[in-house]
Protein backbone atom coordinates (compact mmCIF):
# COMPACT_ATOMS: atom_id res chain seq x y z
CA MET A 1 0.00 0.00 0.00
CA LYS A 2 1.40 3.34 -1.03
CA ILE A 3 1.29 6.07 1.60
CA THR A 4 -0.13 9.24 0.14
CA GLU A 5 -0.16 12.72 1.58
CA GLU A 6 -3.90 12.41 2.19
CA SER A 7 -3.53 9.14 4.13
CA ARG A 8 -0.66 10.57 6.16
CA CYS A 9 -2.73 13.64 7.05
CA ALA A 10 -5.68 11.42 7.96
CA ASP A 11 -3.46 9.36 10.27
CA LEU A 12 -2.18 12.52 11.94
CA ALA A 13 -5.75 13.76 12.40
CA LYS A 14 -6.75 10.44 14.03
CA ALA A 15 -3.77 10.60 16.38
CA ASN A 16 -4.59 14.20 17.28
CA ASP A 17 -8.23 13.28 17.96
CA ALA A 18 -7.13 10.41 20.22
CA TRP A 19 -4.74 12.74 22.05
CA GLN A 20 -7.49 15.33 22.58
CA ARG A 21 -9.82 12.62 23.96
CA GLU A 22 -7.12 11.44 26.35
CA MET A 23 -6.57 15.00 27.56
CA ALA A 24 -10.31 15.38 28.19
CA VAL A 25 -10.41 12.12 30.16
CA CYS A 26 -7.39 13.16 32.24
CA GLY A 27 -9.04 16.45 33.09
CA GLU A 28 -6.08 18.33 31.66
CA PRO A 29 -6.62 21.60 29.88
CA GLU A 30 -5.69 21.59 26.23
CA ILE A 31 -1.92 21.94 26.05
CA GLY A 32 0.69 21.66 23.35
CA ILE A 33 2.08 18.26 22.40
CA GLU A 34 5.56 19.20 23.69
CA ALA A 35 4.17 19.96 27.14
CA PHE A 36 2.14 16.74 27.12
CA LEU A 37 5.15 14.64 26.19
CA SER A 38 7.34 16.36 28.77
CA LYS A 39 4.83 15.32 31.44
CA GLN A 40 5.20 11.70 30.30
CA THR A 41 9.00 11.75 30.36
CA PRO A 42 10.33 9.87 33.39
CA THR A 43 12.79 11.76 35.54
CA PHE A 44 15.73 10.23 37.34
CA ARG A 45 16.26 11.17 40.95
CA TRP A 46 19.23 10.03 43.04
CA THR A 47 17.89 8.51 46.24
CA GLY A 48 21.22 7.62 47.79
CA ARG A 49 20.20 3.99 48.28
CA PHE A 50 23.51 2.73 46.95
CA SER A 51 25.71 5.44 48.40
CA ARG A 52 27.23 2.96 50.90
CA LEU A 53 28.63 0.91 48.02
CA PHE A 54 30.79 3.84 47.00
CA GLU A 55 32.09 4.45 50.54
CA LEU A 56 33.92 1.10 50.73
């Protein structure tokens, strides 16, 4: 199946619609995609659990 510009745009529209529905379910106000993705990015935090290993 050849991907045309119309089918690519239709796929993007479907993804955008799904994203908007998810935002509505989450109770989030409409935000940009960059802000949405940054909320989903896991952050690493040093807890110090293994700090004793480095003190040997």
